[in-house]
Amino acid sequence: MTVNRTLAVTACGLGALCVLLGAFAAHGAGPQVKTLLTTGAHYGLIHALLAVVAAILAQYSTPVRWAGWLAVVGGAVFALSLTLVGMAGLSIMGAVAPIGGLLMIAAWLVFAFGAFRMRPSELSEL
């Protein structure tokens, strides 16, 4: 099995970042910032996991590989924009968060398309 290492490592970086955001939210952030950081960390972690799965399946489907990158970029944009709103007071970044959300939604749809097009014989190799 070949894993898309670049995607896997990038996804793990997103996961680590989101754990840090979540930990800060739990132990050092005020109530309003805590909600923003927790939400960003939650969505970022879910999409980091999606990207790791996509990195494993990337060799079988180009759309699945693209979905992984959409998940990483969308998760990062969403989590970081909420972080900048909460911690730096950059309210303009609140307008950027939906872009991350759209990328995350696209990741799931593209992943579904790619998975649907995969042959059962390719999946049995896993």
N, C-alpha and C. Protein backbone atom coordinates (compact mmCIF):
# COMPACT_ATOMS: atom_id res chain seq x y z
N MET A 1 0.85 -1.18 0.00
CA MET A 1 0.00 0.00 0.00
C MET A 1 0.89 1.24 0.00
N THR A 2 0.53 2.16 -0.86
CA THR A 2 1.24 3.42 -0.95
C THR A 2 0.37 4.51 -0.33
N VAL A 3 0.97 5.28 0.54
CA VAL A 3 0.26 6.37 1.19
C VAL A 3 0.80 7.69 0.64
N ASN A 4 -0.08 8.62 0.38
CA ASN A 4 0.34 9.96 -0.03
C ASN A 4 0.93 10.63 1.21
N ARG A 5 2.27 10.56 1.32
CA ARG A 5 2.93 11.03 2.54
C ARG A 5 2.76 12.52 2.76
N THR A 6 2.82 13.30 1.69
CA THR A 6 2.68 14.75 1.85
C THR A 6 1.32 15.10 2.44
N LEU A 7 0.29 14.49 1.91
CA LEU A 7 -1.06 14.73 2.44
C LEU A 7 -1.18 14.22 3.86
N ALA A 8 -0.65 13.05 4.14
CA ALA A 8 -0.74 12.47 5.49
C ALA A 8 -0.02 13.35 6.51
N VAL A 9 1.17 13.80 6.18
CA VAL A 9 1.94 14.64 7.11
C VAL A 9 1.25 15.98 7.31
N THR A 10 0.73 16.57 6.25
CA THR A 10 0.02 17.84 6.37
C THR A 10 -1.23 17.68 7.23
N ALA A 11 -1.96 16.59 7.01
CA ALA A 11 -3.15 16.31 7.81
C ALA A 11 -2.79 16.15 9.29
N CYS A 12 -1.69 15.48 9.55
CA CYS A 12 -1.26 15.32 10.95
C CYS A 12 -0.86 16.66 11.57
N GLY A 13 -0.29 17.53 10.76
CA GLY A 13 0.03 18.88 11.25
C GLY A 13 -1.24 19.63 11.62
N LEU A 14 -2.27 19.52 10.79
CA LEU A 14 -3.56 20.14 11.11
C LEU A 14 -4.12 19.54 12.40
N GLY A 15 -4.04 18.22 12.52
CA GLY A 15 -4.54 17.57 13.74
C GLY A 15 -3.82 18.08 14.98
N ALA A 16 -2.49 18.19 14.91
CA ALA A 16 -1.71 18.68 16.05
C ALA A 16 -2.09 20.12 16.39
N LEU A 17 -2.24 20.95 15.37
CA LEU A 17 -2.64 22.34 15.59
C LEU A 17 -4.00 22.41 16.29
N CYS A 18 -4.91 21.56 15.87
CA CYS A 18 -6.26 21.59 16.44
C CYS A 18 -6.27 21.07 17.88
N VAL A 19 -5.41 20.12 18.19
CA VAL A 19 -5.29 19.67 19.58
C VAL A 19 -4.77 20.82 20.44
N LEU A 20 -3.80 21.56 19.93
CA LEU A 20 -3.29 22.73 20.66
C LEU A 20 -4.39 23.77 20.87
N LEU A 21 -5.16 24.04 19.83
CA LEU A 21 -6.26 25.00 19.97
C LEU A 21 -7.28 24.53 21.00
N GLY A 22 -7.61 23.25 20.93
CA GLY A 22 -8.57 22.70 21.88
C GLY A 22 -8.06 22.74 23.31
N ALA A 23 -6.78 22.44 23.48
CA ALA A 23 -6.19 22.48 24.82
C ALA A 23 -6.19 23.91 25.38
N PHE A 24 -5.83 24.85 24.53
CA PHE A 24 -5.86 26.24 24.98
C PHE A 24 -7.28 26.67 25.32
N ALA A 25 -8.23 26.23 24.51
CA ALA A 25 -9.64 26.56 24.77
C ALA A 25 -10.08 26.02 26.12
N ALA A 26 -9.62 24.82 26.45
CA ALA A 26 -10.04 24.18 27.70
C ALA A 26 -9.34 24.76 28.92
N HIS A 27 -8.12 25.26 28.74
CA HIS A 27 -7.34 25.62 29.92
C HIS A 27 -6.91 27.07 30.02
N GLY A 28 -7.14 27.88 28.98
CA GLY A 28 -6.62 29.24 29.10
C GLY A 28 -7.44 30.32 28.45
N ALA A 29 -8.49 29.96 27.78
CA ALA A 29 -9.25 30.96 27.04
C ALA A 29 -10.47 31.41 27.83
N GLY A 30 -10.86 32.65 27.58
CA GLY A 30 -12.09 33.16 28.18
C GLY A 30 -13.30 32.52 27.51
N PRO A 31 -14.48 32.75 28.09
CA PRO A 31 -15.70 32.08 27.60
C PRO A 31 -16.00 32.29 26.12
N GLN A 32 -15.91 33.52 25.63
CA GLN A 32 -16.24 33.76 24.23
C GLN A 32 -15.19 33.15 23.31
N VAL A 33 -13.93 33.31 23.66
CA VAL A 33 -12.84 32.75 22.86
C VAL A 33 -12.88 31.23 22.92
N LYS A 34 -13.24 30.70 24.07
CA LYS A 34 -13.30 29.24 24.24
C LYS A 34 -14.24 28.60 23.23
N THR A 35 -15.39 29.20 23.03
CA THR A 35 -16.37 28.65 22.09
C THR A 35 -15.80 28.65 20.67
N LEU A 36 -15.19 29.75 20.27
CA LEU A 36 -14.62 29.84 18.92
C LEU A 36 -13.50 28.82 18.72
N LEU A 37 -12.59 28.74 19.68
CA LEU A 37 -11.47 27.81 19.57
C LEU A 37 -11.94 26.36 19.59
N THR A 38 -12.90 26.06 20.44
CA THR A 38 -13.42 24.69 20.51
C THR A 38 -14.08 24.29 19.20
N THR A 39 -14.87 25.18 18.64
CA THR A 39 -15.52 24.88 17.36
C THR A 39 -14.49 24.67 16.26
N GLY A 40 -13.52 25.56 16.16
CA GLY A 40 -12.48 25.42 15.15
C GLY A 40 -11.68 24.15 15.32
N ALA A 41 -11.32 23.83 16.56
CA ALA A 41 -10.55 22.62 16.83
C ALA A 41 -11.35 21.37 16.48
N HIS A 42 -12.61 21.37 16.82
CA HIS A 42 -13.48 20.22 16.55
C HIS A 42 -13.56 19.94 15.05
N TYR A 43 -13.91 20.94 14.29
CA TYR A 43 -14.03 20.75 12.84
C TYR A 43 -12.68 20.44 12.20
N GLY A 44 -11.63 21.09 12.67
CA GLY A 44 -10.30 20.82 12.13
C GLY A 44 -9.85 19.39 12.37
N LEU A 45 -10.11 18.87 13.57
CA LEU A 45 -9.73 17.48 13.86
C LEU A 45 -10.48 16.48 13.00
N ILE A 46 -11.76 16.70 12.83
CA ILE A 46 -12.56 15.79 11.99
C ILE A 46 -12.01 15.78 10.56
N HIS A 47 -11.65 16.94 10.07
CA HIS A 47 -11.19 17.02 8.69
C HIS A 47 -9.73 16.57 8.55
N ALA A 48 -8.96 16.66 9.61
CA ALA A 48 -7.62 16.07 9.59
C ALA A 48 -7.74 14.55 9.46
N LEU A 49 -8.69 13.96 10.16
CA LEU A 49 -8.91 12.51 10.04
C LEU A 49 -9.38 12.14 8.65
N LEU A 50 -10.29 12.92 8.08
CA LEU A 50 -10.74 12.66 6.72
C LEU A 50 -9.55 12.70 5.76
N ALA A 51 -8.66 13.65 5.95
CA ALA A 51 -7.50 13.79 5.08
C ALA A 51 -6.53 12.62 5.24
N VAL A 52 -6.38 12.08 6.44
CA VAL A 52 -5.53 10.90 6.63
C VAL A 52 -6.11 9.71 5.89
N VAL A 53 -7.41 9.52 5.99
CA VAL A 53 -8.06 8.43 5.25
C VAL A 53 -7.88 8.65 3.75
N ALA A 54 -8.02 9.89 3.30
CA ALA A 54 -7.83 10.20 1.88
C ALA A 54 -6.39 9.92 1.46
N ALA A 55 -5.43 10.19 2.33
CA ALA A 55 -4.02 9.93 2.01
C ALA A 55 -3.79 8.43 1.81
N ILE A 56 -4.49 7.61 2.57
CA ILE A 56 -4.37 6.16 2.43
C ILE A 56 -5.02 5.68 1.13
N LEU A 57 -6.15 6.27 0.79
CA LEU A 57 -6.89 5.84 -0.40
C LEU A 57 -6.50 6.60 -1.67
N ALA A 58 -5.62 7.57 -1.56
CA ALA A 58 -5.29 8.46 -2.68
C ALA A 58 -4.78 7.71 -3.90
N GLN A 59 -4.09 6.62 -3.69
CA GLN A 59 -3.54 5.87 -4.83
C GLN A 59 -4.63 5.25 -5.70
N TYR A 60 -5.82 5.09 -5.15
CA TYR A 60 -6.91 4.46 -5.88
C TYR A 60 -7.86 5.45 -6.55
N SER A 61 -7.77 6.72 -6.17
CA SER A 61 -8.75 7.68 -6.67
C SER A 61 -8.22 9.10 -6.59
N THR A 62 -8.13 9.74 -7.75
CA THR A 62 -7.71 11.14 -7.78
C THR A 62 -8.71 12.05 -7.05
N PRO A 63 -10.03 11.86 -7.22
CA PRO A 63 -10.96 12.70 -6.46
C PRO A 63 -10.80 12.54 -4.94
N VAL A 64 -10.50 11.33 -4.48
CA VAL A 64 -10.30 11.13 -3.04
C VAL A 64 -9.06 11.90 -2.58
N ARG A 65 -8.00 11.89 -3.39
CA ARG A 65 -6.80 12.66 -3.04
C ARG A 65 -7.15 14.15 -2.97
N TRP A 66 -7.89 14.66 -3.96
CA TRP A 66 -8.31 16.06 -3.93
C TRP A 66 -9.17 16.36 -2.70
N ALA A 67 -10.02 15.42 -2.35
CA ALA A 67 -10.87 15.60 -1.16
C ALA A 67 -10.02 15.76 0.09
N GLY A 68 -8.94 15.01 0.17
CA GLY A 68 -8.04 15.15 1.31
C GLY A 68 -7.45 16.54 1.42
N TRP A 69 -7.04 17.07 0.27
CA TRP A 69 -6.48 18.43 0.29
C TRP A 69 -7.55 19.48 0.59
N LEU A 70 -8.75 19.27 0.07
CA LEU A 70 -9.84 20.18 0.40
C LEU A 70 -10.12 20.16 1.90
N ALA A 71 -10.07 18.96 2.50
CA ALA A 71 -10.32 18.82 3.94
C ALA A 71 -9.25 19.54 4.76
N VAL A 72 -8.00 19.37 4.37
CA VAL A 72 -6.90 20.01 5.11
C VAL A 72 -6.99 21.53 5.00
N VAL A 73 -7.14 22.01 3.78
CA VAL A 73 -7.18 23.46 3.59
C VAL A 73 -8.43 24.05 4.23
N GLY A 74 -9.58 23.41 4.02
CA GLY A 74 -10.81 23.90 4.62
C GLY A 74 -10.76 23.89 6.14
N GLY A 75 -10.26 22.79 6.70
CA GLY A 75 -10.15 22.70 8.17
C GLY A 75 -9.22 23.76 8.73
N ALA A 76 -8.10 23.98 8.03
CA ALA A 76 -7.14 24.98 8.50
C ALA A 76 -7.71 26.39 8.39
N VAL A 77 -8.33 26.69 7.26
CA VAL A 77 -8.91 28.03 7.07
C VAL A 77 -9.98 28.29 8.12
N PHE A 78 -10.84 27.30 8.34
CA PHE A 78 -11.92 27.46 9.31
C PHE A 78 -11.37 27.65 10.73
N ALA A 79 -10.50 26.75 11.14
CA ALA A 79 -9.96 26.82 12.51
C ALA A 79 -9.15 28.09 12.73
N LEU A 80 -8.30 28.43 11.79
CA LEU A 80 -7.45 29.61 11.98
C LEU A 80 -8.24 30.91 11.90
N SER A 81 -9.26 30.95 11.05
CA SER A 81 -10.06 32.19 11.00
C SER A 81 -10.81 32.40 12.31
N LEU A 82 -11.37 31.33 12.88
CA LEU A 82 -12.04 31.48 14.18
C LEU A 82 -11.05 31.85 15.27
N THR A 83 -9.84 31.31 15.19
CA THR A 83 -8.80 31.65 16.16
C THR A 83 -8.45 33.12 16.08
N LEU A 84 -8.31 33.64 14.86
CA LEU A 84 -7.98 35.06 14.70
C LEU A 84 -9.12 35.97 15.14
N VAL A 85 -10.35 35.53 14.95
CA VAL A 85 -11.48 36.31 15.45
C VAL A 85 -11.43 36.37 16.97
N GLY A 86 -11.24 35.22 17.59
CA GLY A 86 -11.28 35.16 19.05
C GLY A 86 -10.08 35.73 19.76
N MET A 87 -8.89 35.44 19.25
CA MET A 87 -7.69 35.82 19.98
C MET A 87 -7.09 37.15 19.54
N ALA A 88 -7.25 37.51 18.28
CA ALA A 88 -6.66 38.75 17.79
C ALA A 88 -7.71 39.84 17.57
N GLY A 89 -8.98 39.48 17.75
CA GLY A 89 -10.04 40.46 17.56
C GLY A 89 -10.23 40.89 16.11
N LEU A 90 -9.77 40.08 15.18
CA LEU A 90 -9.91 40.41 13.76
C LEU A 90 -11.28 39.95 13.28
N SER A 91 -12.28 40.76 13.51
CA SER A 91 -13.65 40.37 13.17
C SER A 91 -13.84 40.13 11.68
N ILE A 92 -13.00 40.73 10.84
CA ILE A 92 -13.09 40.52 9.39
C ILE A 92 -12.86 39.05 9.05
N MET A 93 -12.12 38.34 9.88
CA MET A 93 -11.85 36.92 9.63
C MET A 93 -13.11 36.08 9.79
N GLY A 94 -14.13 36.64 10.43
CA GLY A 94 -15.41 35.95 10.51
C GLY A 94 -16.02 35.73 9.13
N ALA A 95 -15.65 36.58 8.18
CA ALA A 95 -16.12 36.42 6.81
C ALA A 95 -15.33 35.36 6.06
N VAL A 96 -14.18 34.97 6.59
CA VAL A 96 -13.34 33.96 5.95
C VAL A 96 -13.75 32.55 6.38
N ALA A 97 -14.27 32.42 7.58
CA ALA A 97 -14.66 31.10 8.11
C ALA A 97 -15.61 30.34 7.18
N PRO A 98 -16.61 30.98 6.57
CA PRO A 98 -17.48 30.24 5.66
C PRO A 98 -16.76 29.67 4.44
N ILE A 99 -15.66 30.30 4.04
CA ILE A 99 -14.88 29.75 2.93
C ILE A 99 -14.30 28.40 3.35
N GLY A 100 -13.78 28.35 4.56
CA GLY A 100 -13.29 27.07 5.09
C GLY A 100 -14.41 26.05 5.18
N GLY A 101 -15.59 26.51 5.60
CA GLY A 101 -16.74 25.61 5.69
C GLY A 101 -17.14 25.06 4.34
N LEU A 102 -17.13 25.90 3.32
CA LEU A 102 -17.46 25.44 1.97
C LEU A 102 -16.43 24.43 1.46
N LEU A 103 -15.16 24.68 1.76
CA LEU A 103 -14.12 23.73 1.36
C LEU A 103 -14.30 22.38 2.07
N MET A 104 -14.70 22.42 3.33
CA MET A 104 -14.93 21.16 4.07
C MET A 104 -16.12 20.40 3.49
N ILE A 105 -17.18 21.12 3.17
CA ILE A 105 -18.35 20.47 2.55
C ILE A 105 -17.94 19.86 1.21
N ALA A 106 -17.19 20.62 0.42
CA ALA A 106 -16.72 20.11 -0.87
C ALA A 106 -15.86 18.86 -0.67
N ALA A 107 -15.06 18.84 0.38
CA ALA A 107 -14.21 17.66 0.65
C ALA A 107 -15.06 16.41 0.80
N TRP A 108 -16.13 16.50 1.57
CA TRP A 108 -17.00 15.33 1.78
C TRP A 108 -17.67 14.90 0.48
N LEU A 109 -18.13 15.87 -0.30
CA LEU A 109 -18.81 15.53 -1.55
C LEU A 109 -17.85 14.93 -2.57
N VAL A 110 -16.66 15.50 -2.68
CA VAL A 110 -15.67 14.97 -3.61
C VAL A 110 -15.19 13.60 -3.15
N PHE A 111 -15.03 13.42 -1.84
CA PHE A 111 -14.64 12.11 -1.31
C PHE A 111 -15.71 11.07 -1.66
N ALA A 112 -16.97 11.43 -1.47
CA ALA A 112 -18.06 10.50 -1.80
C ALA A 112 -18.03 10.13 -3.28
N PHE A 113 -17.83 11.13 -4.13
CA PHE A 113 -17.75 10.88 -5.57
C PHE A 113 -16.60 9.92 -5.89
N GLY A 114 -15.43 10.21 -5.33
CA GLY A 114 -14.26 9.37 -5.57
C GLY A 114 -14.44 7.96 -5.04
N ALA A 115 -15.02 7.84 -3.85
CA ALA A 115 -15.25 6.52 -3.27
C ALA A 115 -16.26 5.73 -4.10
N PHE A 116 -17.28 6.40 -4.60
CA PHE A 116 -18.28 5.75 -5.42
C PHE A 116 -17.67 5.20 -6.70
N ARG A 117 -16.71 5.91 -7.24
CA ARG A 117 -16.09 5.49 -8.50
C ARG A 117 -15.01 4.44 -8.32
N MET A 118 -14.58 4.19 -7.08
CA MET A 118 -13.56 3.17 -6.86
C MET A 118 -14.12 1.78 -7.14
N ARG A 119 -13.28 0.93 -7.66
CA ARG A 119 -13.70 -0.43 -7.94
C ARG A 119 -13.62 -1.27 -6.66
N PRO A 120 -14.55 -2.20 -6.46
CA PRO A 120 -14.49 -3.06 -5.29
C PRO A 120 -13.16 -3.81 -5.18
N SER A 121 -12.58 -4.16 -6.31
CA SER A 121 -11.29 -4.88 -6.27
C SER A 121 -10.19 -4.01 -5.66
N GLU A 122 -10.25 -2.69 -5.88
CA GLU A 122 -9.26 -1.80 -5.29
C GLU A 122 -9.43 -1.73 -3.77
N LEU A 123 -10.65 -1.70 -3.33
CA LEU A 123 -10.92 -1.64 -1.89
C LEU A 123 -10.52 -2.94 -1.19
N SER A 124 -10.62 -4.06 -1.88
CA SER A 124 -10.27 -5.34 -1.25
C SER A 124 -8.76 -5.46 -1.03
N GLU A 125 -7.97 -4.62 -1.72
CA GLU A 125 -6.52 -4.62 -1.52
C GLU A 125 -6.15 -4.04 -0.16
N LEU A 126 -7.06 -3.31 0.44
CA LEU A 126 -6.77 -2.70 1.74
C LEU A 126 -6.78 -3.79 2.76
